PDB file of N, CA and C in Angstrom:
ATOM      1  N   MET A   1       0.759  -0.914  -0.017  1.00  0.00           N
ATOM      2  CA  MET A   1      -0.208   0.077   0.078  1.00  0.00           C
ATOM      3  C   MET A   1       1.122   1.322  -0.064  1.00  0.00           C
ATOM      4  N   VAL A   2       0.536   2.217  -0.501  1.00  0.00           N
ATOM      5  CA  VAL A   2       0.876   3.441  -0.889  1.00  0.00           C
ATOM      6  C   VAL A   2       0.241   4.585  -0.398  1.00  0.00           C
ATOM      7  N   LYS A   3       0.572   5.273   0.567  1.00  0.00           N
ATOM      8  CA  LYS A   3      -0.277   6.442   1.040  1.00  0.00           C
ATOM      9  C   LYS A   3       0.486   7.775   0.635  1.00  0.00           C
ATOM     10  N   ALA A   4      -0.508   8.509   0.811  1.00  0.00           N
ATOM     11  CA  ALA A   4      -0.127  10.039   0.206  1.00  0.00           C
ATOM     12  C   ALA A   4      -0.985  11.047   0.599  1.00  0.00           C
ATOM     13  N   VAL A   5      -0.667  12.105   0.841  1.00  0.00           N
ATOM     14  CA  VAL A   5      -1.802  13.270   1.584  1.00  0.00           C
ATOM     15  C   VAL A   5      -1.358  14.576   0.192  1.00  0.00           C
ATOM     16  N   VAL A   6      -2.966  14.775  -0.179  1.00  0.00           N
ATOM     17  CA  VAL A   6      -3.074  15.880  -0.989  1.00  0.00           C
ATOM     18  C   VAL A   6      -3.643  16.970  -0.536  1.00  0.00           C
ATOM     19  N   LEU A   7      -3.022  18.244  -0.774  1.00  0.00           N
ATOM     20  CA  LEU A   7      -3.552  19.761  -0.274  1.00  0.00           C
ATOM     21  C   LEU A   7      -4.053  19.964  -1.315  1.00  0.00           C
ATOM     22  N   VAL A   8      -5.315  20.563  -1.181  1.00  0.00           N
ATOM     23  CA  VAL A   8      -6.178  21.333  -2.177  1.00  0.00           C
ATOM     24  C   VAL A   8      -6.469  22.586  -2.074  1.00  0.00           C
ATOM     25  N   LYS A   9      -6.343  23.432  -2.923  1.00  0.00           N
ATOM     26  CA  LYS A   9      -6.762  24.612  -2.891  1.00  0.00           C
ATOM     27  C   LYS A   9      -8.188  24.899  -3.616  1.00  0.00           C
ATOM     28  N   SER A  10      -9.219  25.534  -2.768  1.00  0.00           N
ATOM     29  CA  SER A  10     -10.289  25.461  -3.678  1.00  0.00           C
ATOM     30  C   SER A  10     -11.097  26.665  -2.635  1.00  0.00           C
ATOM     31  N   PRO A  11     -11.855  27.536  -3.456  1.00  0.00           N
ATOM     32  CA  PRO A  11     -12.753  28.590  -3.007  1.00  0.00           C
ATOM     33  C   PRO A  11     -14.261  27.909  -2.531  1.00  0.00           C
ATOM     34  N   LYS A  12     -14.325  26.872  -3.124  1.00  0.00           N
ATOM     35  CA  LYS A  12     -15.452  26.081  -2.526  1.00  0.00           C
ATOM     36  C   LYS A  12     -15.598  25.532  -1.114  1.00  0.00           C
ATOM     37  N   LYS A  13     -16.645  25.855  -0.439  1.00  0.00           N
ATOM     38  CA  LYS A  13     -16.868  25.672   1.069  1.00  0.00           C
ATOM     39  C   LYS A  13     -17.022  24.122   1.571  1.00  0.00           C
ATOM     40  N   LEU A  14     -17.510  23.216   0.470  1.00  0.00           N
ATOM     41  CA  LEU A  14     -17.732  21.901   0.932  1.00  0.00           C
ATOM     42  C   LEU A  14     -16.673  21.084   0.276  1.00  0.00           C
ATOM     43  N   ILE A  15     -15.723  21.741  -0.121  1.00  0.00           N
ATOM     44  CA  ILE A  15     -14.364  20.674  -0.834  1.00  0.00           C
ATOM     45  C   ILE A  15     -14.402  19.579  -0.513  1.00  0.00           C
ATOM     46  N   ALA A  16     -13.855  19.471   0.971  1.00  0.00           N
ATOM     47  CA  ALA A  16     -13.866  18.436   1.656  1.00  0.00           C
ATOM     48  C   ALA A  16     -14.802  17.267   1.596  1.00  0.00           C
ATOM     49  N   ALA A  17     -15.816  17.587   1.557  1.00  0.00           N
ATOM     50  CA  ALA A  17     -16.960  16.522   0.990  1.00  0.00           C
ATOM     51  C   ALA A  17     -17.039  16.136   0.021  1.00  0.00           C
ATOM     52  N   ARG A  18     -16.347  16.990  -1.115  1.00  0.00           N
ATOM     53  CA  ARG A  18     -16.635  16.406  -2.485  1.00  0.00           C
ATOM     54  C   ARG A  18     -15.512  15.428  -2.843  1.00  0.00           C
ATOM     55  N   LEU A  19     -14.403  15.859  -2.156  1.00  0.00           N
ATOM     56  CA  LEU A  19     -13.240  14.932  -2.084  1.00  0.00           C
ATOM     57  C   LEU A  19     -13.458  13.445  -1.710  1.00  0.00           C
ATOM     58  N   ARG A  20     -14.213  13.493  -0.704  1.00  0.00           N
ATOM     59  CA  ARG A  20     -14.553  12.003   0.170  1.00  0.00           C
ATOM     60  C   ARG A  20     -15.226  11.503  -0.931  1.00  0.00           C
ATOM     61  N   LYS A  21     -15.878  11.591  -2.172  1.00  0.00           N
ATOM     62  CA  LYS A  21     -16.344  10.849  -3.474  1.00  0.00           C
ATOM     63  C   LYS A  21     -15.365  10.220  -3.956  1.00  0.00           C
ATOM     64  N   VAL A  22     -14.022  10.502  -4.018  1.00  0.00           N
ATOM     65  CA  VAL A  22     -13.270   9.989  -4.764  1.00  0.00           C
ATOM     66  C   VAL A  22     -12.830   8.609  -4.180  1.00  0.00           C
ATOM     67  N   SER A  23     -12.724   7.539  -4.975  1.00  0.00           N
ATOM     68  CA  SER A  23     -12.886   6.035  -4.245  1.00  0.00           C
ATOM     69  C   SER A  23     -11.537   5.780  -3.276  1.00  0.00           C
ATOM     70  N   ALA A  24     -10.324   6.177  -3.819  1.00  0.00           N
ATOM     71  CA  ALA A  24      -9.144   6.135  -3.366  1.00  0.00           C
ATOM     72  C   ALA A  24      -8.709   6.901  -2.016  1.00  0.00           C
ATOM     73  N   ILE A  25      -9.825   8.005  -1.459  1.00  0.00           N
ATOM     74  CA  ILE A  25      -9.789   9.022  -0.413  1.00  0.00           C
ATOM     75  C   ILE A  25     -10.267   8.377   0.686  1.00  0.00           C
ATOM     76  N   TYR A  26      -9.610   8.159   1.661  1.00  0.00           N
ATOM     77  CA  TYR A  26     -10.071   7.672   2.959  1.00  0.00           C
ATOM     78  C   TYR A  26     -10.537   8.317   3.761  1.00  0.00           C
ATOM     79  N   ASP A  27     -10.045   9.389   3.614  1.00  0.00           N
ATOM     80  CA  ASP A  27     -10.494  10.651   4.659  1.00  0.00           C
ATOM     81  C   ASP A  27     -10.078  12.208   4.012  1.00  0.00           C
ATOM     82  N   SER A  28     -10.772  13.182   4.329  1.00  0.00           N
ATOM     83  CA  SER A  28     -10.571  14.557   3.979  1.00  0.00           C
ATOM     84  C   SER A  28     -11.098  15.460   4.591  1.00  0.00           C
ATOM     85  N   PHE A  29     -10.495  16.758   4.975  1.00  0.00           N
ATOM     86  CA  PHE A  29     -11.361  17.718   5.830  1.00  0.00           C
ATOM     87  C   PHE A  29     -10.697  18.993   5.762  1.00  0.00           C
ATOM     88  N   PRO A  30     -11.484  19.815   5.864  1.00  0.00           N
ATOM     89  CA  PRO A  30     -11.169  21.281   5.766  1.00  0.00           C
ATOM     90  C   PRO A  30      -9.891  21.990   6.591  1.00  0.00           C
ATOM     91  N   VAL A  31      -9.039  22.448   6.109  1.00  0.00           N
ATOM     92  CA  VAL A  31      -7.992  23.244   7.192  1.00  0.00           C
ATOM     93  C   VAL A  31      -7.952  24.547   6.520  1.00  0.00           C
ATOM     94  N   SER A  32      -7.232  25.345   7.523  1.00  0.00           N
ATOM     95  CA  SER A  32      -6.946  27.153   7.335  1.00  0.00           C
ATOM     96  C   SER A  32      -5.759  27.073   7.066  1.00  0.00           C
ATOM     97  N   GLY A  33      -5.379  28.012   6.269  1.00  0.00           N
ATOM     98  CA  GLY A  33      -3.972  28.287   5.914  1.00  0.00           C
ATOM     99  C   GLY A  33      -3.803  28.471   4.070  1.00  0.00           C
ATOM    100  N   GLN A  34      -2.989  28.501   3.732  1.00  0.00           N
ATOM    101  CA  GLN A  34      -2.542  28.237   2.262  1.00  0.00           C
ATOM    102  C   GLN A  34      -3.552  27.229   1.433  1.00  0.00           C
ATOM    103  N   PHE A  35      -3.992  26.121   2.090  1.00  0.00           N
ATOM    104  CA  PHE A  35      -4.645  25.505   1.133  1.00  0.00           C
ATOM    105  C   PHE A  35      -5.798  25.397   2.037  1.00  0.00           C
ATOM    106  N   ASP A  36      -7.047  24.886   1.150  1.00  0.00           N
ATOM    107  CA  ASP A  36      -8.378  24.509   1.938  1.00  0.00           C
ATOM    108  C   ASP A  36      -8.769  23.369   2.444  1.00  0.00           C
ATOM    109  N   ALA A  37      -8.181  22.409   1.991  1.00  0.00           N
ATOM    110  CA  ALA A  37      -8.700  21.231   2.547  1.00  0.00           C
ATOM    111  C   ALA A  37      -7.398  19.971   2.013  1.00  0.00           C
ATOM    112  N   VAL A  38      -7.552  18.988   3.174  1.00  0.00           N
ATOM    113  CA  VAL A  38      -6.584  17.980   2.835  1.00  0.00           C
ATOM    114  C   VAL A  38      -7.106  16.729   2.665  1.00  0.00           C
ATOM    115  N   ALA A  39      -6.850  15.600   1.227  1.00  0.00           N
ATOM    116  CA  ALA A  39      -7.207  14.399   1.145  1.00  0.00           C
ATOM    117  C   ALA A  39      -6.072  13.184   1.571  1.00  0.00           C
ATOM    118  N   LEU A  40      -6.375  12.324   1.987  1.00  0.00           N
ATOM    119  CA  LEU A  40      -5.574  11.425   2.534  1.00  0.00           C
ATOM    120  C   LEU A  40      -6.000  10.063   1.599  1.00  0.00           C
ATOM    121  N   ILE A  41      -4.869   9.531   0.727  1.00  0.00           N
ATOM    122  CA  ILE A  41      -5.223   8.503  -0.129  1.00  0.00           C
ATOM    123  C   ILE A  41      -4.264   7.252   0.425  1.00  0.00           C
ATOM    124  N   LYS A  42      -4.944   6.319  -0.286  1.00  0.00           N
ATOM    125  CA  LYS A  42      -4.150   4.928  -0.022  1.00  0.00           C
ATOM    126  C   LYS A  42      -4.518   4.199  -1.232  1.00  0.00           C
ATOM    127  N   VAL A  43      -3.455   3.865  -1.918  1.00  0.00           N
ATOM    128  CA  VAL A  43      -3.431   3.020  -3.258  1.00  0.00           C
ATOM    129  C   VAL A  43      -2.326   2.016  -3.037  1.00  0.00           C
ATOM    130  N   LYS A  44      -2.616   1.026  -4.085  1.00  0.00           N
ATOM    131  CA  LYS A  44      -1.710  -0.171  -4.145  1.00  0.00           C
ATOM    132  C   LYS A  44      -0.632   0.177  -4.651  1.00  0.00           C
ATOM    133  N   ASP A  45      -0.495   1.055  -5.802  1.00  0.00           N
ATOM    134  CA  ASP A  45       0.809   1.297  -6.482  1.00  0.00           C
ATOM    135  C   ASP A  45       1.055   2.282  -6.708  1.00  0.00           C
ATOM    136  N   LEU A  46       2.246   3.045  -6.314  1.00  0.00           N
ATOM    137  CA  LEU A  46       2.658   4.596  -6.566  1.00  0.00           C
ATOM    138  C   LEU A  46       2.152   5.216  -7.844  1.00  0.00           C
ATOM    139  N   SER A  47       2.140   4.284  -9.197  1.00  0.00           N
ATOM    140  CA  SER A  47       1.435   4.797 -10.227  1.00  0.00           C
ATOM    141  C   SER A  47       0.122   5.346 -10.255  1.00  0.00           C
ATOM    142  N   GLU A  48      -0.673   4.694  -9.033  1.00  0.00           N
ATOM    143  CA  GLU A  48      -2.318   5.065  -8.913  1.00  0.00           C
ATOM    144  C   GLU A  48      -2.486   6.782  -8.752  1.00  0.00           C
ATOM    145  N   ILE A  49      -1.128   7.121  -7.814  1.00  0.00           N
ATOM    146  CA  ILE A  49      -1.519   8.415  -7.057  1.00  0.00           C
ATOM    147  C   ILE A  49      -1.676   9.295  -8.189  1.00  0.00           C
ATOM    148  N   LYS A  50      -0.838   9.342  -9.299  1.00  0.00           N
ATOM    149  CA  LYS A  50      -1.316  10.468 -10.621  1.00  0.00           C
ATOM    150  C   LYS A  50      -2.704  10.336 -10.914  1.00  0.00           C
ATOM    151  N   ASP A  51      -3.215   9.020 -10.943  1.00  0.00           N
ATOM    152  CA  ASP A  51      -4.593   8.986 -11.765  1.00  0.00           C
ATOM    153  C   ASP A  51      -5.724   9.619 -10.379  1.00  0.00           C
ATOM    154  N   VAL A  52      -5.560   9.773  -9.302  1.00  0.00           N
ATOM    155  CA  VAL A  52      -6.246  10.322  -8.141  1.00  0.00           C
ATOM    156  C   VAL A  52      -5.768  11.527  -8.106  1.00  0.00           C
ATOM    157  N   THR A  53      -4.597  11.955  -8.135  1.00  0.00           N
ATOM    158  CA  THR A  53      -4.742  13.465  -8.411  1.00  0.00           C
ATOM    159  C   THR A  53      -5.191  14.140  -9.559  1.00  0.00           C
ATOM    160  N   THR A  54      -5.242  13.467 -10.677  1.00  0.00           N
ATOM    161  CA  THR A  54      -5.911  14.042 -11.560  1.00  0.00           C
ATOM    162  C   THR A  54      -7.337  14.015 -11.452  1.00  0.00           C
ATOM    163  N   GLU A  55      -8.069  12.942 -10.902  1.00  0.00           N
ATOM    164  CA  GLU A  55      -9.010  13.112 -10.589  1.00  0.00           C
ATOM    165  C   GLU A  55      -9.692  14.049  -9.436  1.00  0.00           C
ATOM    166  N   ILE A  56      -8.873  14.272  -8.584  1.00  0.00           N
ATOM    167  CA  ILE A  56      -9.336  15.633  -7.731  1.00  0.00           C
ATOM    168  C   ILE A  56      -9.218  16.815  -8.520  1.00  0.00           C
ATOM    169  N   GLN A  57      -8.160  17.158  -9.317  1.00  0.00           N
ATOM    170  CA  GLN A  57      -8.066  18.202 -10.014  1.00  0.00           C
ATOM    171  C   GLN A  57      -9.112  18.590 -11.173  1.00  0.00           C
ATOM    172  N   LEU A  58      -9.959  17.400 -11.253  1.00  0.00           N
ATOM    173  CA  LEU A  58     -11.090  17.724 -12.288  1.00  0.00           C
ATOM    174  C   LEU A  58     -12.196  18.212 -11.814  1.00  0.00           C
ATOM    175  N   ILE A  59     -12.526  18.119 -10.218  1.00  0.00           N
ATOM    176  CA  ILE A  59     -13.477  18.291  -9.445  1.00  0.00           C
ATOM    177  C   ILE A  59     -13.852  20.001  -9.597  1.00  0.00           C
ATOM    178  N   ASN A  60     -14.889  20.355  -9.709  1.00  0.00           N
ATOM    179  CA  ASN A  60     -15.032  21.736 -10.182  1.00  0.00           C
ATOM    180  C   ASN A  60     -14.980  22.434  -8.806  1.00  0.00           C
ATOM    181  N   GLY A  61     -14.053  23.606  -9.045  1.00  0.00           N
ATOM    182  CA  GLY A  61     -13.550  24.406  -8.228  1.00  0.00           C
ATOM    183  C   GLY A  61     -12.392  24.292  -7.464  1.00  0.00           C
ATOM    184  N   VAL A  62     -11.648  23.057  -7.850  1.00  0.00           N
ATOM    185  CA  VAL A  62     -10.251  22.945  -7.482  1.00  0.00           C
ATOM    186  C   VAL A  62      -9.542  23.645  -8.361  1.00  0.00           C
ATOM    187  N   GLU A  63      -8.570  24.666  -7.613  1.00  0.00           N
ATOM    188  CA  GLU A  63      -8.011  25.618  -8.521  1.00  0.00           C
ATOM    189  C   GLU A  63      -6.128  24.850  -8.222  1.00  0.00           C
ATOM    190  N   ARG A  64      -5.653  24.209  -7.464  1.00  0.00           N
ATOM    191  CA  ARG A  64      -4.408  23.735  -7.549  1.00  0.00           C
ATOM    192  C   ARG A  64      -4.396  22.559  -6.060  1.00  0.00           C
ATOM    193  N   THR A  65      -3.241  21.719  -6.440  1.00  0.00           N
ATOM    194  CA  THR A  65      -3.008  20.751  -5.675  1.00  0.00           C
ATOM    195  C   THR A  65      -1.403  20.429  -5.263  1.00  0.00           C
ATOM    196  N   GLU A  66      -1.288  20.168  -4.220  1.00  0.00           N
ATOM    197  CA  GLU A  66       0.103  19.849  -4.002  1.00  0.00           C
ATOM    198  C   GLU A  66       0.134  18.430  -3.088  1.00  0.00           C
ATOM    199  N   THR A  67       0.967  17.388  -3.857  1.00  0.00           N
ATOM    200  CA  THR A  67       1.107  15.934  -3.158  1.00  0.00           C
ATOM    201  C   THR A  67       2.169  15.526  -2.634  1.00  0.00           C
ATOM    202  N   MET A  68       2.194  15.086  -1.272  1.00  0.00           N
ATOM    203  CA  MET A  68       3.340  14.399  -0.992  1.00  0.00           C
ATOM    204  C   MET A  68       2.965  12.916  -0.366  1.00  0.00           C
ATOM    205  N   VAL A  69       3.862  12.038  -0.856  1.00  0.00           N
ATOM    206  CA  VAL A  69       3.711  10.898  -0.546  1.00  0.00           C
ATOM    207  C   VAL A  69       4.671  10.310   0.287  1.00  0.00           C
ATOM    208  N   GLU A  70       4.224   9.086   1.259  1.00  0.00           N
ATOM    209  CA  GLU A  70       4.689   8.907   2.202  1.00  0.00           C
ATOM    210  C   GLU A  70       5.942   8.062   1.966  1.00  0.00           C
ATOM    211  N   VAL A  71       6.816   8.007   2.412  1.00  0.00           N
ATOM    212  CA  VAL A  71       8.329   7.537   2.238  1.00  0.00           C
ATOM    213  C   VAL A  71       8.718   6.543   3.701  1.00  0.00           C
ATOM    214  N   GLN A  72       8.846   5.189   3.362  1.00  0.00           N
ATOM    215  CA  GLN A  72       9.333   4.397   4.197  1.00  0.00           C
ATOM    216  C   GLN A  72      10.538   3.625   3.858  1.00  0.00           C
TER     217      GLN A  72
END
């Protein structure tokens, strides 16, 4: 399993709830600061992370993302 954290910039107030609809995201929540929400991802292979981040970027209102992959 590969885990990653995706920071999401979006002016939409309910963006964290929209993120939870993506199947690979096991948790998401709003945050304060430069980004507006955090999405926690768990996938089988590292290559799947790009697919998930692309799906996140296609959500209406998402302006940008930053992904951090867990290093073991």
